Amino acid sequence: MLFKATYQVNKFDVPTRETTLSLYLEAENEIEARKILDKHTPYNIEFIQPIEGKHLEYEQNQPNFEVTEFPQ
């Protein structure tokens, strides 16, 4: 399943809309997605949500859409 994670680059930054970034990753479920991000990134993860259907179509049409791959 594909997930969208929103995050701050620095774990100690206060989350603000202007500095929030996002990435896309594949995982079996939200728990696995969070484990992958915790293991492979130093980011302050704000929110993880599954994307599918119309939402996925919308995200795929954005110019910055790219699925991030992490080592196993």
PDB file of N, CA and C in Angstrom:
ATOM      1  N   MET A   1       0.844  -1.162   0.000  1.00  0.00           N
ATOM      2  CA  MET A   1       0.000   0.000   0.000  1.00  0.00           C
ATOM      3  C   MET A   1       0.898   1.236   0.000  1.00  0.00           C
ATOM      4  N   LEU A   2       0.416   2.307  -0.587  1.00  0.00           N
ATOM      5  CA  LEU A   2       1.177   3.541  -0.677  1.00  0.00           C
ATOM      6  C   LEU A   2       0.740   4.499   0.427  1.00  0.00           C
ATOM      7  N   PHE A   3       1.728   5.123   1.076  1.00  0.00           N
ATOM      8  CA  PHE A   3       1.464   6.061   2.163  1.00  0.00           C
ATOM      9  C   PHE A   3       2.122   7.401   1.869  1.00  0.00           C
ATOM     10  N   LYS A   4       1.497   8.449   2.364  1.00  0.00           N
ATOM     11  CA  LYS A   4       2.063   9.791   2.306  1.00  0.00           C
ATOM     12  C   LYS A   4       2.403  10.181   3.738  1.00  0.00           C
ATOM     13  N   ALA A   5       3.655  10.580   3.952  1.00  0.00           N
ATOM     14  CA  ALA A   5       4.087  11.020   5.274  1.00  0.00           C
ATOM     15  C   ALA A   5       4.460  12.492   5.205  1.00  0.00           C
ATOM     16  N   THR A   6       3.939  13.273   6.134  1.00  0.00           N
ATOM     17  CA  THR A   6       4.342  14.670   6.234  1.00  0.00           C
ATOM     18  C   THR A   6       5.300  14.779   7.411  1.00  0.00           C
ATOM     19  N   TYR A   7       6.312  15.642   7.259  1.00  0.00           N
ATOM     20  CA  TYR A   7       7.376  15.680   8.259  1.00  0.00           C
ATOM     21  C   TYR A   7       8.087  17.030   8.294  1.00  0.00           C
ATOM     22  N   GLN A   8       8.841  17.218   9.376  1.00  0.00           N
ATOM     23  CA  GLN A   8       9.784  18.316   9.524  1.00  0.00           C
ATOM     24  C   GLN A   8      11.175  17.687   9.426  1.00  0.00           C
ATOM     25  N   VAL A   9      12.092  18.384   8.805  1.00  0.00           N
ATOM     26  CA  VAL A   9      13.438  17.838   8.614  1.00  0.00           C
ATOM     27  C   VAL A   9      14.145  17.628   9.948  1.00  0.00           C
ATOM     28  N   ASN A  10      13.960  18.545  10.881  1.00  0.00           N
ATOM     29  CA  ASN A  10      14.635  18.466  12.170  1.00  0.00           C
ATOM     30  C   ASN A  10      13.634  18.028  13.238  1.00  0.00           C
ATOM     31  N   LYS A  11      13.988  17.033  14.029  1.00  0.00           N
ATOM     32  CA  LYS A  11      13.084  16.526  15.075  1.00  0.00           C
ATOM     33  C   LYS A  11      12.735  17.585  16.120  1.00  0.00           C
ATOM     34  N   PHE A  12      13.562  18.623  16.228  1.00  0.00           N
ATOM     35  CA  PHE A  12      13.345  19.622  17.267  1.00  0.00           C
ATOM     36  C   PHE A  12      12.623  20.873  16.775  1.00  0.00           C
ATOM     37  N   ASP A  13      12.275  20.911  15.472  1.00  0.00           N
ATOM     38  CA  ASP A  13      11.526  22.044  14.935  1.00  0.00           C
ATOM     39  C   ASP A  13      10.057  21.927  15.306  1.00  0.00           C
ATOM     40  N   VAL A  14       9.468  23.062  15.582  1.00  0.00           N
ATOM     41  CA  VAL A  14       8.028  23.102  15.820  1.00  0.00           C
ATOM     42  C   VAL A  14       7.345  22.966  14.468  1.00  0.00           C
ATOM     43  N   PRO A  15       6.413  22.033  14.314  1.00  0.00           N
ATOM     44  CA  PRO A  15       5.750  21.859  13.020  1.00  0.00           C
ATOM     45  C   PRO A  15       4.986  23.121  12.595  1.00  0.00           C
ATOM     46  N   THR A  16       5.296  23.572  11.394  1.00  0.00           N
ATOM     47  CA  THR A  16       4.569  24.690  10.789  1.00  0.00           C
ATOM     48  C   THR A  16       4.291  24.345   9.345  1.00  0.00           C
ATOM     49  N   ARG A  17       3.213  24.846   8.832  1.00  0.00           N
ATOM     50  CA  ARG A  17       2.809  24.536   7.460  1.00  0.00           C
ATOM     51  C   ARG A  17       3.894  24.917   6.448  1.00  0.00           C
ATOM     52  N   GLU A  18       4.538  26.042   6.680  1.00  0.00           N
ATOM     53  CA  GLU A  18       5.533  26.544   5.724  1.00  0.00           C
ATOM     54  C   GLU A  18       6.773  25.660   5.621  1.00  0.00           C
ATOM     55  N   THR A  19       7.072  24.907   6.652  1.00  0.00           N
ATOM     56  CA  THR A  19       8.270  24.064   6.619  1.00  0.00           C
ATOM     57  C   THR A  19       7.959  22.576   6.544  1.00  0.00           C
ATOM     58  N   THR A  20       6.685  22.223   6.425  1.00  0.00           N
ATOM     59  CA  THR A  20       6.297  20.815   6.335  1.00  0.00           C
ATOM     60  C   THR A  20       6.566  20.279   4.938  1.00  0.00           C
ATOM     61  N   LEU A  21       7.213  19.138   4.879  1.00  0.00           N
ATOM     62  CA  LEU A  21       7.507  18.454   3.621  1.00  0.00           C
ATOM     63  C   LEU A  21       6.760  17.127   3.609  1.00  0.00           C
ATOM     64  N   SER A  22       6.749  16.469   2.458  1.00  0.00           N
ATOM     65  CA  SER A  22       6.087  15.167   2.392  1.00  0.00           C
ATOM     66  C   SER A  22       6.888  14.210   1.530  1.00  0.00           C
ATOM     67  N   LEU A  23       6.683  12.934   1.793  1.00  0.00           N
ATOM     68  CA  LEU A  23       7.272  11.881   0.970  1.00  0.00           C
ATOM     69  C   LEU A  23       6.278  10.739   0.872  1.00  0.00           C
ATOM     70  N   TYR A  24       6.499   9.898  -0.105  1.00  0.00           N
ATOM     71  CA  TYR A  24       5.616   8.755  -0.362  1.00  0.00           C
ATOM     72  C   TYR A  24       6.440   7.490  -0.218  1.00  0.00           C
ATOM     73  N   LEU A  25       5.853   6.473   0.400  1.00  0.00           N
ATOM     74  CA  LEU A  25       6.558   5.212   0.553  1.00  0.00           C
ATOM     75  C   LEU A  25       5.570   4.065   0.512  1.00  0.00           C
ATOM     76  N   GLU A  26       6.086   2.906   0.194  1.00  0.00           N
ATOM     77  CA  GLU A  26       5.264   1.697   0.185  1.00  0.00           C
ATOM     78  C   GLU A  26       5.534   0.916   1.464  1.00  0.00           C
ATOM     79  N   ALA A  27       4.450   0.415   2.055  1.00  0.00           N
ATOM     80  CA  ALA A  27       4.551  -0.412   3.261  1.00  0.00           C
ATOM     81  C   ALA A  27       3.277  -1.237   3.367  1.00  0.00           C
ATOM     82  N   GLU A  28       3.315  -2.261   4.216  1.00  0.00           N
ATOM     83  CA  GLU A  28       2.149  -3.128   4.399  1.00  0.00           C
ATOM     84  C   GLU A  28       1.022  -2.416   5.137  1.00  0.00           C
ATOM     85  N   ASN A  29       1.404  -1.564   6.112  1.00  0.00           N
ATOM     86  CA  ASN A  29       0.411  -0.831   6.897  1.00  0.00           C
ATOM     87  C   ASN A  29       1.072   0.403   7.498  1.00  0.00           C
ATOM     88  N   GLU A  30       0.290   1.192   8.217  1.00  0.00           N
ATOM     89  CA  GLU A  30       0.799   2.444   8.778  1.00  0.00           C
ATOM     90  C   GLU A  30       1.889   2.198   9.826  1.00  0.00           C
ATOM     91  N   ILE A  31       1.752   1.142  10.586  1.00  0.00           N
ATOM     92  CA  ILE A  31       2.751   0.820  11.607  1.00  0.00           C
ATOM     93  C   ILE A  31       4.095   0.516  10.954  1.00  0.00           C
ATOM     94  N   GLU A  32       4.079  -0.287   9.894  1.00  0.00           N
ATOM     95  CA  GLU A  32       5.313  -0.605   9.170  1.00  0.00           C
ATOM     96  C   GLU A  32       5.901   0.656   8.533  1.00  0.00           C
ATOM     97  N   ALA A  33       5.054   1.520   8.000  1.00  0.00           N
ATOM     98  CA  ALA A  33       5.529   2.771   7.398  1.00  0.00           C
ATOM     99  C   ALA A  33       6.269   3.598   8.440  1.00  0.00           C
ATOM    100  N   ARG A  34       5.700   3.710   9.626  1.00  0.00           N
ATOM    101  CA  ARG A  34       6.354   4.485  10.693  1.00  0.00           C
ATOM    102  C   ARG A  34       7.673   3.847  11.106  1.00  0.00           C
ATOM    103  N   LYS A  35       7.722   2.530  11.205  1.00  0.00           N
ATOM    104  CA  LYS A  35       8.965   1.838  11.560  1.00  0.00           C
ATOM    105  C   LYS A  35      10.050   2.109  10.514  1.00  0.00           C
ATOM    106  N   ILE A  36       9.677   2.059   9.242  1.00  0.00           N
ATOM    107  CA  ILE A  36      10.635   2.320   8.158  1.00  0.00           C
ATOM    108  C   ILE A  36      11.178   3.736   8.270  1.00  0.00           C
ATOM    109  N   LEU A  37      10.293   4.693   8.475  1.00  0.00           N
ATOM    110  CA  LEU A  37      10.718   6.091   8.574  1.00  0.00           C
ATOM    111  C   LEU A  37      11.575   6.333   9.809  1.00  0.00           C
ATOM    112  N   ASP A  38      11.209   5.731  10.934  1.00  0.00           N
ATOM    113  CA  ASP A  38      12.010   5.884  12.150  1.00  0.00           C
ATOM    114  C   ASP A  38      13.405   5.300  11.974  1.00  0.00           C
ATOM    115  N   LYS A  39      13.488   4.198  11.280  1.00  0.00           N
ATOM    116  CA  LYS A  39      14.771   3.526  11.090  1.00  0.00           C
ATOM    117  C   LYS A  39      15.679   4.248  10.093  1.00  0.00           C
ATOM    118  N   HIS A  40      15.098   4.818   9.030  1.00  0.00           N
ATOM    119  CA  HIS A  40      15.907   5.324   7.927  1.00  0.00           C
ATOM    120  C   HIS A  40      15.956   6.843   7.783  1.00  0.00           C
ATOM    121  N   THR A  41      15.256   7.580   8.628  1.00  0.00           N
ATOM    122  CA  THR A  41      15.283   9.035   8.504  1.00  0.00           C
ATOM    123  C   THR A  41      15.446   9.689   9.876  1.00  0.00           C
ATOM    124  N   PRO A  42      15.973  10.910   9.899  1.00  0.00           N
ATOM    125  CA  PRO A  42      16.061  11.666  11.149  1.00  0.00           C
ATOM    126  C   PRO A  42      14.871  12.620  11.318  1.00  0.00           C
ATOM    127  N   TYR A  43      13.819  12.439  10.531  1.00  0.00           N
ATOM    128  CA  TYR A  43      12.725  13.398  10.460  1.00  0.00           C
ATOM    129  C   TYR A  43      11.772  13.327  11.649  1.00  0.00           C
ATOM    130  N   ASN A  44      11.102  14.447  11.885  1.00  0.00           N
ATOM    131  CA  ASN A  44      10.001  14.525  12.839  1.00  0.00           C
ATOM    132  C   ASN A  44       8.725  14.243  12.049  1.00  0.00           C
ATOM    133  N   ILE A  45       8.236  13.032  12.113  1.00  0.00           N
ATOM    134  CA  ILE A  45       7.068  12.617  11.339  1.00  0.00           C
ATOM    135  C   ILE A  45       5.810  13.183  11.991  1.00  0.00           C
ATOM    136  N   GLU A  46       5.057  13.956  11.220  1.00  0.00           N
ATOM    137  CA  GLU A  46       3.826  14.551  11.729  1.00  0.00           C
ATOM    138  C   GLU A  46       2.629  13.630  11.521  1.00  0.00           C
ATOM    139  N   PHE A  47       2.516  13.077  10.308  1.00  0.00           N
ATOM    140  CA  PHE A  47       1.299  12.351   9.955  1.00  0.00           C
ATOM    141  C   PHE A  47       1.611  11.363   8.847  1.00  0.00           C
ATOM    142  N   ILE A  48       1.013  10.187   8.937  1.00  0.00           N
ATOM    143  CA  ILE A  48       1.135   9.177   7.883  1.00  0.00           C
ATOM    144  C   ILE A  48      -0.276   8.777   7.485  1.00  0.00           C
ATOM    145  N   GLN A  49      -0.547   8.815   6.180  1.00  0.00           N
ATOM    146  CA  GLN A  49      -1.880   8.434   5.730  1.00  0.00           C
ATOM    147  C   GLN A  49      -1.801   7.574   4.480  1.00  0.00           C
ATOM    148  N   PRO A  50      -2.661   6.564   4.390  1.00  0.00           N
ATOM    149  CA  PRO A  50      -2.707   5.751   3.170  1.00  0.00           C
ATOM    150  C   PRO A  50      -3.329   6.582   2.053  1.00  0.00           C
ATOM    151  N   ILE A  51      -2.830   6.385   0.842  1.00  0.00           N
ATOM    152  CA  ILE A  51      -3.437   7.071  -0.296  1.00  0.00           C
ATOM    153  C   ILE A  51      -3.811   6.039  -1.350  1.00  0.00           C
ATOM    154  N   GLU A  52      -5.025   6.198  -1.857  1.00  0.00           N
ATOM    155  CA  GLU A  52      -5.542   5.292  -2.880  1.00  0.00           C
ATOM    156  C   GLU A  52      -6.669   5.987  -3.618  1.00  0.00           C
ATOM    157  N   GLY A  53      -7.113   5.402  -4.692  1.00  0.00           N
ATOM    158  CA  GLY A  53      -8.240   5.932  -5.451  1.00  0.00           C
ATOM    159  C   GLY A  53      -7.986   7.323  -6.004  1.00  0.00           C
ATOM    160  N   LYS A  54      -8.967   8.209  -5.857  1.00  0.00           N
ATOM    161  CA  LYS A  54      -8.884   9.574  -6.384  1.00  0.00           C
ATOM    162  C   LYS A  54      -7.756  10.365  -5.734  1.00  0.00           C
ATOM    163  N   HIS A  55      -7.535  10.116  -4.445  1.00  0.00           N
ATOM    164  CA  HIS A  55      -6.446  10.813  -3.753  1.00  0.00           C
ATOM    165  C   HIS A  55      -5.099  10.436  -4.369  1.00  0.00           C
ATOM    166  N   LEU A  56      -4.902   9.160  -4.647  1.00  0.00           N
ATOM    167  CA  LEU A  56      -3.671   8.704  -5.277  1.00  0.00           C
ATOM    168  C   LEU A  56      -3.521   9.310  -6.671  1.00  0.00           C
ATOM    169  N   GLU A  57      -4.579   9.331  -7.440  1.00  0.00           N
ATOM    170  CA  GLU A  57      -4.539   9.936  -8.776  1.00  0.00           C
ATOM    171  C   GLU A  57      -4.113  11.399  -8.690  1.00  0.00           C
ATOM    172  N   TYR A  58      -4.688  12.125  -7.740  1.00  0.00           N
ATOM    173  CA  TYR A  58      -4.338  13.526  -7.560  1.00  0.00           C
ATOM    174  C   TYR A  58      -2.854  13.683  -7.233  1.00  0.00           C
ATOM    175  N   GLU A  59      -2.363  12.907  -6.270  1.00  0.00           N
ATOM    176  CA  GLU A  59      -0.958  12.997  -5.869  1.00  0.00           C
ATOM    177  C   GLU A  59      -0.022  12.629  -7.019  1.00  0.00           C
ATOM    178  N   GLN A  60      -0.381  11.624  -7.811  1.00  0.00           N
ATOM    179  CA  GLN A  60       0.455  11.202  -8.932  1.00  0.00           C
ATOM    180  C   GLN A  60       0.559  12.278 -10.003  1.00  0.00           C
ATOM    181  N   ASN A  61      -0.422  13.157 -10.087  1.00  0.00           N
ATOM    182  CA  ASN A  61      -0.393  14.226 -11.073  1.00  0.00           C
ATOM    183  C   ASN A  61       0.405  15.448 -10.619  1.00  0.00           C
ATOM    184  N   GLN A  62       0.898  15.434  -9.391  1.00  0.00           N
ATOM    185  CA  GLN A  62       1.697  16.545  -8.892  1.00  0.00           C
ATOM    186  C   GLN A  62       3.126  16.414  -9.417  1.00  0.00           C
ATOM    187  N   PRO A  63       3.784  17.541  -9.724  1.00  0.00           N
ATOM    188  CA  PRO A  63       5.129  17.476 -10.314  1.00  0.00           C
ATOM    189  C   PRO A  63       6.189  16.866  -9.402  1.00  0.00           C
ATOM    190  N   ASN A  64       6.001  16.915  -8.086  1.00  0.00           N
ATOM    191  CA  ASN A  64       7.008  16.392  -7.157  1.00  0.00           C
ATOM    192  C   ASN A  64       6.708  14.984  -6.666  1.00  0.00           C
ATOM    193  N   PHE A  65       5.750  14.302  -7.294  1.00  0.00           N
ATOM    194  CA  PHE A  65       5.396  12.956  -6.847  1.00  0.00           C
ATOM    195  C   PHE A  65       6.512  11.980  -7.188  1.00  0.00           C
ATOM    196  N   GLU A  66       7.022  11.313  -6.148  1.00  0.00           N
ATOM    197  CA  GLU A  66       8.048  10.285  -6.323  1.00  0.00           C
ATOM    198  C   GLU A  66       8.009   9.385  -5.103  1.00  0.00           C
ATOM    199  N   VAL A  67       7.944   8.095  -5.326  1.00  0.00           N
ATOM    200  CA  VAL A  67       7.918   7.142  -4.221  1.00  0.00           C
ATOM    201  C   VAL A  67       9.357   6.935  -3.746  1.00  0.00           C
ATOM    202  N   THR A  68       9.576   7.163  -2.447  1.00  0.00           N
ATOM    203  CA  THR A  68      10.899   6.991  -1.854  1.00  0.00           C
ATOM    204  C   THR A  68      11.095   5.527  -1.517  1.00  0.00           C
ATOM    205  N   GLU A  69      12.230   4.983  -1.914  1.00  0.00           N
ATOM    206  CA  GLU A  69      12.528   3.589  -1.603  1.00  0.00           C
ATOM    207  C   GLU A  69      13.598   3.533  -0.528  1.00  0.00           C
ATOM    208  N   PHE A  70      13.376   2.697   0.472  1.00  0.00           N
ATOM    209  CA  PHE A  70      14.313   2.538   1.574  1.00  0.00           C
ATOM    210  C   PHE A  70      14.887   1.131   1.531  1.00  0.00           C
ATOM    211  N   PRO A  71      16.150   0.947   1.960  1.00  0.00           N
ATOM    212  CA  PRO A  71      16.729  -0.405   1.987  1.00  0.00           C
ATOM    213  C   PRO A  71      16.005  -1.280   2.998  1.00  0.00           C
ATOM    214  N   GLN A  72      15.974  -2.567   2.731  1.00  0.00           N
ATOM    215  CA  GLN A  72      15.291  -3.506   3.634  1.00  0.00           C
ATOM    216  C   GLN A  72      16.095  -3.768   4.853  1.00  0.00           C
TER     217      GLN A  72
END
